[in-house]
Amino acid sequence: MTKPSPKDMALAQQARLAAVVMCAAIVGWVVLGWIGRDYGWDPRYAFLIDFAALAGFAFALIVTFRVWRARANRR
């Protein structure tokens, strides 16, 4: 088996970053929503949490798309 090229390693690192951001967004969204509901936070904080999660998902989607296109162009 051959050693992966530096470009392959960089793409794998970007894919891992996207996965970590998605996991953090999901866990943060659920946990902060639960905490906010239990402590009676103002609803505007719920919107702030939702928008932060959406920003994380958008970032992960863009990174994943870029990795997918880079791998498709290499073939």
C-alpha atoms as a PDB file:
ATOM      1  CA  MET A   1       0.000   0.000   0.000  1.00  0.00           C
ATOM      2  CA  THR A   2       1.335   3.416  -0.895  1.00  0.00           C
ATOM      3  CA  LYS A   3       1.604   6.348   1.439  1.00  0.00           C
ATOM      4  CA  PRO A   4      -1.073   9.023   0.906  1.00  0.00           C
ATOM      5  CA  SER A   5       0.101  12.213  -0.741  1.00  0.00           C
ATOM      6  CA  PRO A   6       0.215  15.490   1.212  1.00  0.00           C
ATOM      7  CA  LYS A   7      -2.846  16.699  -0.725  1.00  0.00           C
ATOM      8  CA  ASP A   8      -4.769  13.586   0.295  1.00  0.00           C
ATOM      9  CA  MET A   9      -3.753  14.139   3.906  1.00  0.00           C
ATOM     10  CA  ALA A  10      -4.874  17.784   3.732  1.00  0.00           C
ATOM     11  CA  LEU A  11      -8.253  16.757   2.292  1.00  0.00           C
ATOM     12  CA  ALA A  12      -8.682  14.152   5.022  1.00  0.00           C
ATOM     13  CA  GLN A  13      -7.884  16.777   7.652  1.00  0.00           C
ATOM     14  CA  GLN A  14     -10.494  19.117   6.182  1.00  0.00           C
ATOM     15  CA  ALA A  15     -13.068  16.317   6.171  1.00  0.00           C
ATOM     16  CA  ARG A  16     -12.309  15.600   9.834  1.00  0.00           C
ATOM     17  CA  LEU A  17     -12.701  19.301  10.630  1.00  0.00           C
ATOM     18  CA  ALA A  18     -16.124  19.307   8.967  1.00  0.00           C
ATOM     19  CA  ALA A  19     -17.132  16.232  10.988  1.00  0.00           C
ATOM     20  CA  VAL A  20     -15.994  17.794  14.267  1.00  0.00           C
ATOM     21  CA  VAL A  21     -17.842  21.034  13.513  1.00  0.00           C
ATOM     22  CA  MET A  22     -21.041  19.115  12.701  1.00  0.00           C
ATOM     23  CA  CYS A  23     -20.806  17.087  15.919  1.00  0.00           C
ATOM     24  CA  ALA A  24     -20.075  20.173  18.017  1.00  0.00           C
ATOM     25  CA  ALA A  25     -22.969  22.060  16.411  1.00  0.00           C
ATOM     26  CA  ILE A  26     -25.416  19.236  17.062  1.00  0.00           C
ATOM     27  CA  VAL A  27     -24.318  18.648  20.659  1.00  0.00           C
ATOM     28  CA  GLY A  28     -24.134  22.371  21.443  1.00  0.00           C
ATOM     29  CA  TRP A  29     -27.527  23.022  19.889  1.00  0.00           C
ATOM     30  CA  VAL A  30     -29.236  20.256  21.850  1.00  0.00           C
ATOM     31  CA  VAL A  31     -27.473  20.928  25.158  1.00  0.00           C
ATOM     32  CA  LEU A  32     -27.855  24.710  25.075  1.00  0.00           C
ATOM     33  CA  GLY A  33     -31.491  24.390  23.998  1.00  0.00           C
ATOM     34  CA  TRP A  34     -32.152  22.049  26.900  1.00  0.00           C
ATOM     35  CA  ILE A  35     -30.355  24.307  29.383  1.00  0.00           C
ATOM     36  CA  GLY A  36     -32.146  27.381  28.076  1.00  0.00           C
ATOM     37  CA  ARG A  37     -35.522  25.712  28.383  1.00  0.00           C
ATOM     38  CA  ASP A  38     -34.826  24.517  31.932  1.00  0.00           C
ATOM     39  CA  TYR A  39     -33.565  27.885  33.135  1.00  0.00           C
ATOM     40  CA  GLY A  40     -36.179  29.928  31.308  1.00  0.00           C
ATOM     41  CA  TRP A  41     -33.851  31.897  29.042  1.00  0.00           C
ATOM     42  CA  ASP A  42     -35.355  34.573  26.847  1.00  0.00           C
ATOM     43  CA  PRO A  43     -36.526  33.208  23.449  1.00  0.00           C
ATOM     44  CA  ARG A  44     -34.080  35.467  21.629  1.00  0.00           C
ATOM     45  CA  TYR A  45     -31.279  33.296  23.026  1.00  0.00           C
ATOM     46  CA  ALA A  46     -32.935  30.269  21.446  1.00  0.00           C
ATOM     47  CA  PHE A  47     -32.774  32.037  18.084  1.00  0.00           C
ATOM     48  CA  LEU A  48     -29.136  32.897  18.698  1.00  0.00           C
ATOM     49  CA  ILE A  49     -28.358  29.250  19.474  1.00  0.00           C
ATOM     50  CA  ASP A  50     -30.267  28.132  16.361  1.00  0.00           C
ATOM     51  CA  PHE A  51     -28.404  30.575  14.137  1.00  0.00           C
ATOM     52  CA  ALA A  52     -25.048  29.524  15.587  1.00  0.00           C
ATOM     53  CA  ALA A  53     -25.886  25.895  14.841  1.00  0.00           C
ATOM     54  CA  LEU A  54     -26.957  26.836  11.309  1.00  0.00           C
ATOM     55  CA  ALA A  55     -23.676  28.675  10.805  1.00  0.00           C
ATOM     56  CA  GLY A  56     -21.770  25.572  11.908  1.00  0.00           C
ATOM     57  CA  PHE A  57     -23.789  23.380   9.555  1.00  0.00           C
ATOM     58  CA  ALA A  58     -23.254  25.810   6.669  1.00  0.00           C
ATOM     59  CA  PHE A  59     -19.516  25.854   7.321  1.00  0.00           C
ATOM     60  CA  ALA A  60     -19.390  22.055   7.407  1.00  0.00           C
ATOM     61  CA  LEU A  61     -21.450  21.815   4.223  1.00  0.00           C
ATOM     62  CA  ILE A  62     -19.147  24.201   2.372  1.00  0.00           C
ATOM     63  CA  VAL A  63     -16.010  22.392   3.550  1.00  0.00           C
ATOM     64  CA  THR A  64     -17.491  19.002   2.650  1.00  0.00           C
ATOM     65  CA  PHE A  65     -18.450  20.246  -0.810  1.00  0.00           C
ATOM     66  CA  ARG A  66     -14.938  21.617  -1.362  1.00  0.00           C
ATOM     67  CA  VAL A  67     -13.387  18.293  -0.310  1.00  0.00           C
ATOM     68  CA  TRP A  68     -15.745  16.389  -2.585  1.00  0.00           C
ATOM     69  CA  ARG A  69     -14.936  18.642  -5.572  1.00  0.00           C
ATOM     70  CA  ALA A  70     -11.194  18.433  -4.915  1.00  0.00           C
ATOM     71  CA  ARG A  71     -11.300  14.627  -4.834  1.00  0.00           C
ATOM     72  CA  ALA A  72     -13.454  14.516  -7.951  1.00  0.00           C
ATOM     73  CA  ASN A  73     -11.013  16.772  -9.816  1.00  0.00           C
ATOM     74  CA  ARG A  74      -8.058  14.575  -8.863  1.00  0.00           C
ATOM     75  CA  ARG A  75      -9.483  11.550 -10.681  1.00  0.00           C
END
